C-alpha atoms as a PDB file:
ATOM      1  CA  UNK A   1    -163.982   5.980 -55.571  1.00  0.00           C
ATOM      2  CA  UNK A   2    -166.408   3.139 -56.587  1.00  0.00           C
ATOM      3  CA  UNK A   3    -165.128   0.159 -58.611  1.00  0.00           C
ATOM      4  CA  UNK A   4    -166.571  -3.024 -59.738  1.00  0.00           C
ATOM      5  CA  UNK A   5    -163.691  -5.572 -60.194  1.00  0.00           C
ATOM      6  CA  UNK A   6    -164.332  -8.014 -62.963  1.00  0.00           C
ATOM      7  CA  UNK A   7    -163.944 -11.791 -62.001  1.00  0.00           C
ATOM      8  CA  UNK A   8    -160.898 -12.210 -64.444  1.00  0.00           C
ATOM      9  CA  UNK A   9    -159.040  -9.284 -62.827  1.00  0.00           C
ATOM     10  CA  UNK A  10    -159.416 -11.131 -59.385  1.00  0.00           C
ATOM     11  CA  UNK A  11    -159.960 -10.886 -55.658  1.00  0.00           C
ATOM     12  CA  UNK A  12    -156.424  -9.531 -54.863  1.00  0.00           C
ATOM     13  CA  UNK A  13    -157.119  -6.231 -56.707  1.00  0.00           C
ATOM     14  CA  UNK A  14    -160.453  -5.939 -55.179  1.00  0.00           C
ATOM     15  CA  UNK A  15    -158.968  -6.660 -51.663  1.00  0.00           C
ATOM     16  CA  UNK A  16    -156.179  -3.918 -52.378  1.00  0.00           C
ATOM     17  CA  UNK A  17    -158.673  -1.405 -53.472  1.00  0.00           C
ATOM     18  CA  UNK A  18    -160.700  -1.889 -50.339  1.00  0.00           C
ATOM     19  CA  UNK A  19    -157.591  -1.419 -48.084  1.00  0.00           C
ATOM     20  CA  UNK A  20    -156.930   1.889 -49.768  1.00  0.00           C
ATOM     21  CA  UNK A  21    -160.323   3.164 -48.940  1.00  0.00           C
ATOM     22  CA  UNK A  22    -162.417   2.407 -52.183  1.00  0.00           C
ATOM     23  CA  UNK A  23    -165.899   1.144 -52.385  1.00  0.00           C
ATOM     24  CA  UNK A  24    -165.537  -2.121 -54.206  1.00  0.00           C
ATOM     25  CA  UNK A  25    -167.917  -4.751 -55.736  1.00  0.00           C
ATOM     26  CA  UNK A  26    -165.911  -7.892 -56.673  1.00  0.00           C
ATOM     27  CA  UNK A  27    -167.545 -10.071 -59.066  1.00  0.00           C
ATOM     28  CA  UNK A  28    -165.179 -13.006 -58.003  1.00  0.00           C
ATOM     29  CA  UNK A  29    -166.065 -12.683 -54.421  1.00  0.00           C
ATOM     30  CA  UNK A  30    -169.790 -11.593 -54.768  1.00  0.00           C
ATOM     31  CA  UNK A  31    -171.340 -12.777 -57.977  1.00  0.00           C
ATOM     32  CA  UNK A  32    -168.987 -15.348 -59.628  1.00  0.00           C
ATOM     33  CA  UNK A  33    -170.194 -16.316 -63.267  1.00  0.00           C
ATOM     34  CA  UNK A  34    -172.137 -12.997 -63.763  1.00  0.00           C
ATOM     35  CA  UNK A  35    -172.086 -12.486 -67.399  1.00  0.00           C
ATOM     36  CA  UNK A  36    -170.673  -9.480 -69.049  1.00  0.00           C
ATOM     37  CA  UNK A  37    -173.861  -7.761 -69.969  1.00  0.00           C
ATOM     38  CA  UNK A  38    -174.988  -8.073 -66.349  1.00  0.00           C
ATOM     39  CA  UNK A  39    -171.795  -6.653 -65.116  1.00  0.00           C
ATOM     40  CA  UNK A  40    -171.824  -3.649 -67.463  1.00  0.00           C
ATOM     41  CA  UNK A  41    -175.567  -2.898 -66.516  1.00  0.00           C
ATOM     42  CA  UNK A  42    -174.848  -3.032 -62.782  1.00  0.00           C
ATOM     43  CA  UNK A  43    -171.730  -0.924 -63.204  1.00  0.00           C
ATOM     44  CA  UNK A  44    -173.866   1.743 -65.141  1.00  0.00           C
ATOM     45  CA  UNK A  45    -176.952   1.702 -62.961  1.00  0.00           C
ATOM     46  CA  UNK A  46    -175.001   1.614 -59.596  1.00  0.00           C
ATOM     47  CA  UNK A  47    -172.422   4.110 -60.637  1.00  0.00           C
ATOM     48  CA  UNK A  48    -169.352   1.792 -60.654  1.00  0.00           C
ATOM     49  CA  UNK A  49    -166.108   2.210 -62.514  1.00  0.00           C
ATOM     50  CA  UNK A  50    -165.360  -1.216 -64.097  1.00  0.00           C
ATOM     51  CA  UNK A  51    -161.994  -2.658 -63.758  1.00  0.00           C
ATOM     52  CA  UNK A  52    -161.394  -5.674 -66.185  1.00  0.00           C
ATOM     53  CA  UNK A  53    -158.882  -7.590 -68.053  1.00  0.00           C
ATOM     54  CA  UNK A  54    -161.669  -8.714 -70.589  1.00  0.00           C
ATOM     55  CA  UNK A  55    -161.414  -7.214 -74.068  1.00  0.00           C
ATOM     56  CA  UNK A  56    -165.171  -8.067 -74.736  1.00  0.00           C
ATOM     57  CA  UNK A  57    -166.058  -4.947 -72.838  1.00  0.00           C
ATOM     58  CA  UNK A  58    -164.357  -2.790 -75.417  1.00  0.00           C
ATOM     59  CA  UNK A  59    -166.697  -4.322 -78.050  1.00  0.00           C
ATOM     60  CA  UNK A  60    -169.790  -3.851 -75.795  1.00  0.00           C
ATOM     61  CA  UNK A  61    -168.932  -0.184 -75.191  1.00  0.00           C
ATOM     62  CA  UNK A  62    -167.850   0.705 -78.761  1.00  0.00           C
ATOM     63  CA  UNK A  63    -169.677  -1.594 -81.172  1.00  0.00           C
ATOM     64  CA  UNK A  64    -172.944  -2.125 -79.120  1.00  0.00           C
ATOM     65  CA  UNK A  65    -172.898   1.475 -77.736  1.00  0.00           C
ATOM     66  CA  UNK A  66    -173.441   0.235 -74.240  1.00  0.00           C
ATOM     67  CA  UNK A  67    -173.527   3.010 -71.626  1.00  0.00           C
ATOM     68  CA  UNK A  68    -170.915   3.060 -68.902  1.00  0.00           C
ATOM     69  CA  UNK A  69    -169.675   4.962 -65.867  1.00  0.00           C
ATOM     70  CA  UNK A  70    -166.037   4.300 -66.643  1.00  0.00           C
ATOM     71  CA  UNK A  71    -164.073   1.204 -67.748  1.00  0.00           C
ATOM     72  CA  UNK A  72    -160.374   0.632 -66.948  1.00  0.00           C
ATOM     73  CA  UNK A  73    -159.316  -2.109 -69.349  1.00  0.00           C
ATOM     74  CA  UNK A  74    -155.906  -3.725 -68.091  1.00  0.00           C
ATOM     75  CA  UNK A  75    -154.142  -4.830 -71.350  1.00  0.00           C
ATOM     76  CA  UNK A  76    -151.090  -6.314 -69.394  1.00  0.00           C
ATOM     77  CA  UNK A  77    -148.366  -8.657 -70.618  1.00  0.00           C
ATOM     78  CA  UNK A  78    -147.842  -9.788 -66.909  1.00  0.00           C
ATOM     79  CA  UNK A  79    -151.222 -10.864 -65.554  1.00  0.00           C
ATOM     80  CA  UNK A  80    -149.876 -11.543 -61.949  1.00  0.00           C
ATOM     81  CA  UNK A  81    -151.895  -9.904 -59.272  1.00  0.00           C
ATOM     82  CA  UNK A  82    -148.957  -7.750 -58.007  1.00  0.00           C
ATOM     83  CA  UNK A  83    -148.456  -6.316 -61.446  1.00  0.00           C
ATOM     84  CA  UNK A  84    -152.187  -5.509 -61.805  1.00  0.00           C
ATOM     85  CA  UNK A  85    -152.083  -3.840 -58.308  1.00  0.00           C
ATOM     86  CA  UNK A  86    -148.836  -1.904 -59.323  1.00  0.00           C
ATOM     87  CA  UNK A  87    -150.393  -0.512 -62.558  1.00  0.00           C
ATOM     88  CA  UNK A  88    -153.601   0.429 -60.989  1.00  0.00           C
ATOM     89  CA  UNK A  89    -151.724   2.075 -58.071  1.00  0.00           C
ATOM     90  CA  UNK A  90    -149.888   4.166 -60.663  1.00  0.00           C
ATOM     91  CA  UNK A  91    -153.131   4.899 -62.510  1.00  0.00           C
ATOM     92  CA  UNK A  92    -154.950   6.033 -59.281  1.00  0.00           C
ATOM     93  CA  UNK A  93    -152.032   8.190 -58.160  1.00  0.00           C
ATOM     94  CA  UNK A  94    -151.752  10.111 -61.326  1.00  0.00           C
ATOM     95  CA  UNK A  95    -155.111  10.000 -63.094  1.00  0.00           C
ATOM     96  CA  UNK A  96    -157.997   9.164 -60.612  1.00  0.00           C
ATOM     97  CA  UNK A  97    -160.009  12.242 -61.309  1.00  0.00           C
ATOM     98  CA  UNK A  98    -160.075  11.429 -65.031  1.00  0.00           C
ATOM     99  CA  UNK A  99    -161.585   7.949 -64.723  1.00  0.00           C
ATOM    100  CA  UNK A 100    -165.224   8.573 -64.659  1.00  0.00           C
ATOM    101  CA  UNK A 101    -167.046   8.160 -68.030  1.00  0.00           C
ATOM    102  CA  UNK A 102    -163.890   7.288 -69.824  1.00  0.00           C
ATOM    103  CA  UNK A 103    -162.976   4.009 -71.441  1.00  0.00           C
ATOM    104  CA  UNK A 104    -159.269   3.841 -70.298  1.00  0.00           C
ATOM    105  CA  UNK A 105    -156.661   1.204 -71.753  1.00  0.00           C
ATOM    106  CA  UNK A 106    -153.772   0.692 -69.438  1.00  0.00           C
ATOM    107  CA  UNK A 107    -150.667  -1.269 -70.088  1.00  0.00           C
ATOM    108  CA  UNK A 108    -147.408  -1.556 -68.036  1.00  0.00           C
ATOM    109  CA  UNK A 109    -145.957   1.478 -70.101  1.00  0.00           C
ATOM    110  CA  UNK A 110    -148.862   3.768 -71.142  1.00  0.00           C
ATOM    111  CA  UNK A 111    -152.418   4.902 -70.547  1.00  0.00           C
ATOM    112  CA  UNK A 112    -154.925   5.818 -73.157  1.00  0.00           C
ATOM    113  CA  UNK A 113    -158.178   7.560 -72.570  1.00  0.00           C
ATOM    114  CA  UNK A 114    -161.142   7.545 -74.925  1.00  0.00           C
ATOM    115  CA  UNK A 115    -164.617   8.927 -74.794  1.00  0.00           C
ATOM    116  CA  UNK A 116    -167.107   6.251 -75.903  1.00  0.00           C
END
């Protein structure tokens, strides 16, 4: 799968995804400081699924009606990289085919899919 990993989600997540065979663009490693609008535009035009911890993307997708190819919003109590990776690993193992074109809210305990 193709993922753009937001700066706030971090380079550890991006590296883990690469190690598991995914095509990854890491904002932290490759375009630090890129604004949210540019990230969402890049993700849409280049067919990336965005992984982020930034709730502002929910506003962009729902209130501003910005198009996307899929957004995974990590709404976690534990923001450590190991927890992010564990949550993403479970998400991919159980729901990878469902990620494109959905806004997915992921917590440590549940996953919610919404069309936008």
